[in-house]
Amino acid sequence: MSISNVITQLRTTDLDATIDFYVSKLGLTLDFKFEDFYAGIKAGDQVFHLKLVDDKDPSIEFVSAGDHFHLYLTTEDVETLAKQCEKMGVVFLKEITETPWGTKEFSVADDQGHVSVIGQMQD
């Protein structure tokens, strides 16, 4: 037996607004929506899930305070994607920076506060 994929789940108190952020603002694709409480967002060949809950995700505060992230998304052109995000009104938590480990990346938060880092490997 082998594992073929890993799927993470983010919790949201407003499923439609969170779907809108990832689709309209970041340019990802809605993979599926199940009734009014569950959805999948497609990023390249990968999917992550969104689940409607009553209370704000308690990990949001922890992740923000510790300079962590919920999602790390990769792209082949981080500068173009950052410009597109800015054009769509996305507020950056961190502007594009080059890291000591060889990436160029920026970070954003969705409507709930989940942090996504978007990065590109440097040649």
N, C-alpha and C. Protein backbone atom coordinates (compact mmCIF):
# COMPACT_ATOMS: atom_id res chain seq x y z
N MET A 1 0.84 -1.18 0.00
CA MET A 1 0.00 0.00 0.00
C MET A 1 0.89 1.24 0.00
N SER A 2 0.49 2.24 -0.78
CA SER A 2 1.21 3.51 -0.78
C SER A 2 0.21 4.65 -0.72
N ILE A 3 0.65 5.75 -0.15
CA ILE A 3 -0.17 6.95 -0.06
C ILE A 3 -0.01 7.72 -1.37
N SER A 4 -1.10 8.15 -1.96
CA SER A 4 -1.02 8.85 -3.24
C SER A 4 -1.23 10.35 -3.14
N ASN A 5 -1.72 10.83 -1.99
CA ASN A 5 -2.02 12.25 -1.88
C ASN A 5 -2.26 12.61 -0.42
N VAL A 6 -2.12 13.87 -0.10
CA VAL A 6 -2.45 14.40 1.22
C VAL A 6 -3.42 15.55 1.01
N ILE A 7 -4.49 15.58 1.77
CA ILE A 7 -5.48 16.66 1.66
C ILE A 7 -5.65 17.28 3.04
N THR A 8 -5.52 18.58 3.09
CA THR A 8 -5.74 19.28 4.35
C THR A 8 -7.15 19.88 4.35
N GLN A 9 -7.63 20.23 5.54
CA GLN A 9 -8.96 20.80 5.69
C GLN A 9 -8.86 22.09 6.48
N LEU A 10 -9.42 23.17 5.93
CA LEU A 10 -9.52 24.43 6.65
C LEU A 10 -10.96 24.60 7.10
N ARG A 11 -11.13 25.13 8.30
CA ARG A 11 -12.46 25.35 8.84
C ARG A 11 -12.85 26.82 8.65
N THR A 12 -14.11 27.04 8.29
CA THR A 12 -14.60 28.38 7.99
C THR A 12 -15.99 28.60 8.59
N THR A 13 -16.25 29.81 9.01
CA THR A 13 -17.59 30.16 9.50
C THR A 13 -18.44 30.76 8.38
N ASP A 14 -17.86 30.92 7.18
CA ASP A 14 -18.59 31.46 6.02
C ASP A 14 -18.05 30.77 4.77
N LEU A 15 -18.62 29.63 4.45
CA LEU A 15 -18.12 28.80 3.35
C LEU A 15 -18.09 29.56 2.03
N ASP A 16 -19.16 30.28 1.70
CA ASP A 16 -19.21 30.96 0.41
C ASP A 16 -18.16 32.06 0.31
N ALA A 17 -17.94 32.81 1.38
CA ALA A 17 -16.92 33.87 1.36
C ALA A 17 -15.52 33.28 1.23
N THR A 18 -15.28 32.16 1.89
CA THR A 18 -13.97 31.53 1.80
C THR A 18 -13.74 30.94 0.42
N ILE A 19 -14.75 30.31 -0.15
CA ILE A 19 -14.65 29.84 -1.53
C ILE A 19 -14.34 31.02 -2.45
N ASP A 20 -15.05 32.10 -2.28
CA ASP A 20 -14.85 33.29 -3.11
C ASP A 20 -13.41 33.79 -3.02
N PHE A 21 -12.84 33.81 -1.82
CA PHE A 21 -11.46 34.27 -1.66
C PHE A 21 -10.51 33.42 -2.51
N TYR A 22 -10.59 32.12 -2.37
CA TYR A 22 -9.65 31.25 -3.07
C TYR A 22 -9.88 31.23 -4.58
N VAL A 23 -11.13 31.35 -5.01
CA VAL A 23 -11.44 31.30 -6.43
C VAL A 23 -11.28 32.68 -7.08
N SER A 24 -11.93 33.68 -6.54
CA SER A 24 -11.92 35.01 -7.16
C SER A 24 -10.64 35.79 -6.90
N LYS A 25 -10.09 35.66 -5.72
CA LYS A 25 -8.91 36.45 -5.36
C LYS A 25 -7.60 35.76 -5.70
N LEU A 26 -7.49 34.45 -5.42
CA LEU A 26 -6.23 33.74 -5.68
C LEU A 26 -6.22 33.02 -7.03
N GLY A 27 -7.39 32.90 -7.66
CA GLY A 27 -7.43 32.28 -8.98
C GLY A 27 -7.43 30.77 -8.98
N LEU A 28 -7.77 30.16 -7.84
CA LEU A 28 -7.86 28.70 -7.78
C LEU A 28 -9.24 28.28 -8.30
N THR A 29 -9.53 27.00 -8.28
CA THR A 29 -10.77 26.48 -8.87
C THR A 29 -11.60 25.74 -7.82
N LEU A 30 -12.90 25.97 -7.85
CA LEU A 30 -13.80 25.18 -7.01
C LEU A 30 -13.88 23.78 -7.61
N ASP A 31 -13.42 22.78 -6.88
CA ASP A 31 -13.43 21.40 -7.36
C ASP A 31 -14.79 20.76 -7.13
N PHE A 32 -15.37 21.02 -5.95
CA PHE A 32 -16.71 20.51 -5.65
C PHE A 32 -17.28 21.29 -4.47
N LYS A 33 -18.60 21.26 -4.37
CA LYS A 33 -19.28 21.78 -3.19
C LYS A 33 -20.34 20.77 -2.82
N PHE A 34 -20.32 20.34 -1.55
CA PHE A 34 -21.28 19.37 -1.07
C PHE A 34 -22.25 20.07 -0.13
N GLU A 35 -23.50 20.13 -0.57
CA GLU A 35 -24.55 20.79 0.18
C GLU A 35 -24.08 22.18 0.58
N ASP A 36 -24.34 22.61 1.81
CA ASP A 36 -23.95 23.97 2.20
C ASP A 36 -22.84 23.98 3.24
N PHE A 37 -22.10 22.85 3.38
CA PHE A 37 -21.13 22.83 4.47
C PHE A 37 -19.75 22.30 4.10
N TYR A 38 -19.53 21.89 2.86
CA TYR A 38 -18.23 21.30 2.54
C TYR A 38 -17.86 21.61 1.09
N ALA A 39 -16.58 21.86 0.85
CA ALA A 39 -16.13 22.16 -0.51
C ALA A 39 -14.68 21.75 -0.69
N GLY A 40 -14.30 21.60 -1.93
CA GLY A 40 -12.92 21.32 -2.29
C GLY A 40 -12.41 22.40 -3.22
N ILE A 41 -11.21 22.88 -2.96
CA ILE A 41 -10.58 23.89 -3.79
C ILE A 41 -9.38 23.26 -4.48
N LYS A 42 -9.31 23.40 -5.78
CA LYS A 42 -8.24 22.79 -6.56
C LYS A 42 -7.15 23.82 -6.81
N ALA A 43 -5.92 23.43 -6.47
CA ALA A 43 -4.74 24.25 -6.69
C ALA A 43 -3.76 23.40 -7.50
N GLY A 44 -3.68 23.65 -8.80
CA GLY A 44 -2.86 22.79 -9.65
C GLY A 44 -3.46 21.39 -9.67
N ASP A 45 -2.64 20.39 -9.34
CA ASP A 45 -3.12 19.01 -9.29
C ASP A 45 -3.55 18.59 -7.89
N GLN A 46 -3.55 19.52 -6.96
CA GLN A 46 -3.87 19.22 -5.56
C GLN A 46 -5.22 19.83 -5.17
N VAL A 47 -5.81 19.29 -4.13
CA VAL A 47 -7.08 19.80 -3.61
C VAL A 47 -6.96 19.95 -2.10
N PHE A 48 -7.52 21.03 -1.56
CA PHE A 48 -7.70 21.13 -0.11
C PHE A 48 -9.18 21.35 0.14
N HIS A 49 -9.62 21.01 1.34
CA HIS A 49 -11.03 21.04 1.67
C HIS A 49 -11.36 22.20 2.60
N LEU A 50 -12.59 22.67 2.50
CA LEU A 50 -13.14 23.69 3.40
C LEU A 50 -14.37 23.10 4.07
N LYS A 51 -14.47 23.30 5.38
CA LYS A 51 -15.61 22.77 6.13
C LYS A 51 -16.25 23.90 6.92
N LEU A 52 -17.56 24.04 6.80
CA LEU A 52 -18.31 25.05 7.54
C LEU A 52 -18.43 24.62 9.00
N VAL A 53 -18.07 25.52 9.91
CA VAL A 53 -18.16 25.26 11.35
C VAL A 53 -18.81 26.47 12.02
N ASP A 54 -19.21 26.29 13.27
CA ASP A 54 -19.87 27.37 14.00
C ASP A 54 -18.91 28.39 14.59
N ASP A 55 -17.74 27.94 15.01
CA ASP A 55 -16.79 28.82 15.69
C ASP A 55 -15.51 28.99 14.88
N LYS A 56 -14.91 30.15 15.02
CA LYS A 56 -13.67 30.45 14.31
C LYS A 56 -12.61 29.38 14.61
N ASP A 57 -11.87 29.00 13.58
CA ASP A 57 -10.80 28.01 13.69
C ASP A 57 -9.78 28.47 14.73
N PRO A 58 -9.59 27.72 15.82
CA PRO A 58 -8.66 28.14 16.87
C PRO A 58 -7.20 28.15 16.42
N SER A 59 -6.88 27.48 15.32
CA SER A 59 -5.49 27.47 14.86
C SER A 59 -5.07 28.80 14.24
N ILE A 60 -6.03 29.63 13.84
CA ILE A 60 -5.71 30.88 13.16
C ILE A 60 -4.84 31.78 14.04
N GLU A 61 -5.23 31.96 15.28
CA GLU A 61 -4.46 32.81 16.19
C GLU A 61 -3.06 32.24 16.42
N PHE A 62 -2.98 30.93 16.63
CA PHE A 62 -1.69 30.27 16.87
C PHE A 62 -0.76 30.43 15.66
N VAL A 63 -1.29 30.19 14.48
CA VAL A 63 -0.49 30.30 13.25
C VAL A 63 0.00 31.72 13.05
N SER A 64 -0.88 32.69 13.23
CA SER A 64 -0.49 34.09 13.05
C SER A 64 0.56 34.53 14.06
N ALA A 65 0.37 34.16 15.29
CA ALA A 65 1.31 34.57 16.35
C ALA A 65 2.67 33.93 16.18
N GLY A 66 2.73 32.74 15.62
CA GLY A 66 3.98 32.00 15.52
C GLY A 66 4.67 32.10 14.18
N ASP A 67 4.15 32.97 13.29
CA ASP A 67 4.74 33.11 11.95
C ASP A 67 4.75 31.76 11.22
N HIS A 68 3.64 31.02 11.34
CA HIS A 68 3.47 29.74 10.67
C HIS A 68 2.56 29.93 9.46
N PHE A 69 2.13 28.86 8.83
CA PHE A 69 1.16 28.96 7.74
C PHE A 69 0.23 27.75 7.77
N HIS A 70 -0.94 27.94 7.17
CA HIS A 70 -1.89 26.85 6.99
C HIS A 70 -1.66 26.13 5.67
N LEU A 71 -1.35 26.90 4.62
CA LEU A 71 -1.10 26.35 3.30
C LEU A 71 0.17 26.94 2.73
N TYR A 72 0.92 26.14 2.01
CA TYR A 72 2.05 26.63 1.23
C TYR A 72 1.75 26.24 -0.21
N LEU A 73 1.54 27.24 -1.03
CA LEU A 73 1.20 27.04 -2.44
C LEU A 73 2.42 27.41 -3.28
N THR A 74 2.72 26.60 -4.28
CA THR A 74 3.87 26.90 -5.14
C THR A 74 3.40 27.35 -6.52
N THR A 75 4.22 28.16 -7.14
CA THR A 75 3.94 28.68 -8.47
C THR A 75 5.24 28.79 -9.23
N GLU A 76 5.14 28.88 -10.55
CA GLU A 76 6.32 29.05 -11.37
C GLU A 76 6.66 30.51 -11.59
N ASP A 77 5.73 31.42 -11.23
CA ASP A 77 5.95 32.85 -11.44
C ASP A 77 5.31 33.64 -10.30
N VAL A 78 6.02 33.72 -9.20
CA VAL A 78 5.49 34.34 -7.99
C VAL A 78 5.22 35.84 -8.18
N GLU A 79 6.03 36.50 -8.97
CA GLU A 79 5.84 37.94 -9.16
C GLU A 79 4.56 38.24 -9.93
N THR A 80 4.29 37.48 -10.98
CA THR A 80 3.05 37.68 -11.74
C THR A 80 1.84 37.36 -10.88
N LEU A 81 1.91 36.28 -10.11
CA LEU A 81 0.79 35.92 -9.24
C LEU A 81 0.56 36.98 -8.17
N ALA A 82 1.63 37.52 -7.62
CA ALA A 82 1.49 38.58 -6.62
C ALA A 82 0.81 39.81 -7.22
N LYS A 83 1.17 40.16 -8.45
CA LYS A 83 0.54 41.30 -9.12
C LYS A 83 -0.94 41.04 -9.35
N GLN A 84 -1.29 39.82 -9.75
CA GLN A 84 -2.70 39.47 -9.96
C GLN A 84 -3.47 39.54 -8.64
N CYS A 85 -2.86 39.06 -7.57
CA CYS A 85 -3.52 39.10 -6.25
C CYS A 85 -3.74 40.55 -5.82
N GLU A 86 -2.73 41.37 -6.00
CA GLU A 86 -2.83 42.78 -5.63
C GLU A 86 -3.95 43.45 -6.43
N LYS A 87 -4.03 43.14 -7.71
CA LYS A 87 -5.07 43.69 -8.59
C LYS A 87 -6.47 43.28 -8.12
N MET A 88 -6.57 42.08 -7.53
CA MET A 88 -7.86 41.58 -7.03
C MET A 88 -8.17 42.06 -5.62
N GLY A 89 -7.29 42.90 -5.07
CA GLY A 89 -7.55 43.47 -3.74
C GLY A 89 -7.07 42.64 -2.57
N VAL A 90 -6.24 41.65 -2.83
CA VAL A 90 -5.71 40.81 -1.75
C VAL A 90 -4.69 41.63 -0.96
N VAL A 91 -4.83 41.62 0.34
CA VAL A 91 -3.90 42.31 1.22
C VAL A 91 -2.79 41.34 1.60
N PHE A 92 -1.55 41.75 1.41
CA PHE A 92 -0.42 40.89 1.71
C PHE A 92 -0.05 40.99 3.19
N LEU A 93 0.22 39.87 3.81
CA LEU A 93 0.78 39.87 5.16
C LEU A 93 2.27 40.17 5.07
N LYS A 94 2.91 39.59 4.05
CA LYS A 94 4.33 39.83 3.76
C LYS A 94 4.47 40.00 2.26
N GLU A 95 5.20 41.03 1.86
CA GLU A 95 5.49 41.26 0.45
C GLU A 95 6.47 40.19 -0.03
N ILE A 96 6.71 40.15 -1.32
CA ILE A 96 7.65 39.17 -1.89
C ILE A 96 9.04 39.37 -1.28
N THR A 97 9.59 38.27 -0.80
CA THR A 97 10.95 38.28 -0.26
C THR A 97 11.69 37.05 -0.77
N GLU A 98 13.00 37.16 -0.84
CA GLU A 98 13.83 36.01 -1.16
C GLU A 98 14.29 35.41 0.16
N THR A 99 14.19 34.10 0.27
CA THR A 99 14.52 33.43 1.52
C THR A 99 15.91 32.81 1.45
N PRO A 100 16.53 32.56 2.61
CA PRO A 100 17.83 31.90 2.65
C PRO A 100 17.78 30.46 2.12
N TRP A 101 16.59 29.85 2.09
CA TRP A 101 16.48 28.45 1.64
C TRP A 101 16.13 28.36 0.15
N GLY A 102 16.23 29.49 -0.58
CA GLY A 102 16.15 29.43 -2.03
C GLY A 102 14.78 29.60 -2.66
N THR A 103 13.87 30.26 -1.95
CA THR A 103 12.57 30.55 -2.54
C THR A 103 12.35 32.05 -2.58
N LYS A 104 11.40 32.43 -3.39
CA LYS A 104 10.88 33.80 -3.41
C LYS A 104 9.41 33.64 -3.06
N GLU A 105 8.93 34.34 -2.02
CA GLU A 105 7.57 34.07 -1.55
C GLU A 105 6.92 35.30 -0.92
N PHE A 106 5.58 35.25 -0.87
CA PHE A 106 4.79 36.25 -0.17
C PHE A 106 3.69 35.53 0.59
N SER A 107 3.03 36.22 1.51
CA SER A 107 1.96 35.57 2.26
C SER A 107 0.72 36.44 2.31
N VAL A 108 -0.43 35.76 2.41
CA VAL A 108 -1.74 36.40 2.47
C VAL A 108 -2.59 35.66 3.49
N ALA A 109 -3.69 36.26 3.86
CA ALA A 109 -4.67 35.60 4.74
C ALA A 109 -6.02 35.60 4.03
N ASP A 110 -6.76 34.51 4.18
CA ASP A 110 -8.09 34.45 3.59
C ASP A 110 -9.08 35.23 4.46
N ASP A 111 -10.33 35.18 4.12
CA ASP A 111 -11.37 35.94 4.84
C ASP A 111 -11.49 35.52 6.31
N GLN A 112 -11.03 34.33 6.66
CA GLN A 112 -11.10 33.83 8.02
C GLN A 112 -9.83 34.12 8.82
N GLY A 113 -8.72 34.35 8.09
CA GLY A 113 -7.44 34.57 8.73
C GLY A 113 -6.44 33.44 8.52
N HIS A 114 -6.82 32.40 7.77
CA HIS A 114 -5.87 31.33 7.45
C HIS A 114 -4.74 31.91 6.61
N VAL A 115 -3.52 31.60 6.98
CA VAL A 115 -2.35 32.14 6.29
C VAL A 115 -1.90 31.18 5.19
N SER A 116 -1.72 31.74 4.00
CA SER A 116 -1.15 31.00 2.88
C SER A 116 0.13 31.69 2.46
N VAL A 117 1.17 30.90 2.31
CA VAL A 117 2.44 31.39 1.74
C VAL A 117 2.45 30.90 0.31
N ILE A 118 2.80 31.80 -0.60
CA ILE A 118 2.88 31.45 -2.00
C ILE A 118 4.32 31.65 -2.44
N GLY A 119 4.93 30.56 -2.91
CA GLY A 119 6.35 30.62 -3.18
C GLY A 119 6.77 30.01 -4.50
N GLN A 120 7.98 30.37 -4.89
CA GLN A 120 8.60 29.88 -6.12
C GLN A 120 10.04 29.51 -5.80
N MET A 121 10.47 28.34 -6.25
CA MET A 121 11.85 27.93 -6.08
C MET A 121 12.73 28.80 -6.98
N GLN A 122 13.88 29.22 -6.45
CA GLN A 122 14.83 30.01 -7.23
C GLN A 122 15.79 29.07 -7.94
N ASP A 123 16.22 29.48 -9.12
CA ASP A 123 17.19 28.68 -9.88
C ASP A 123 18.59 28.81 -9.32
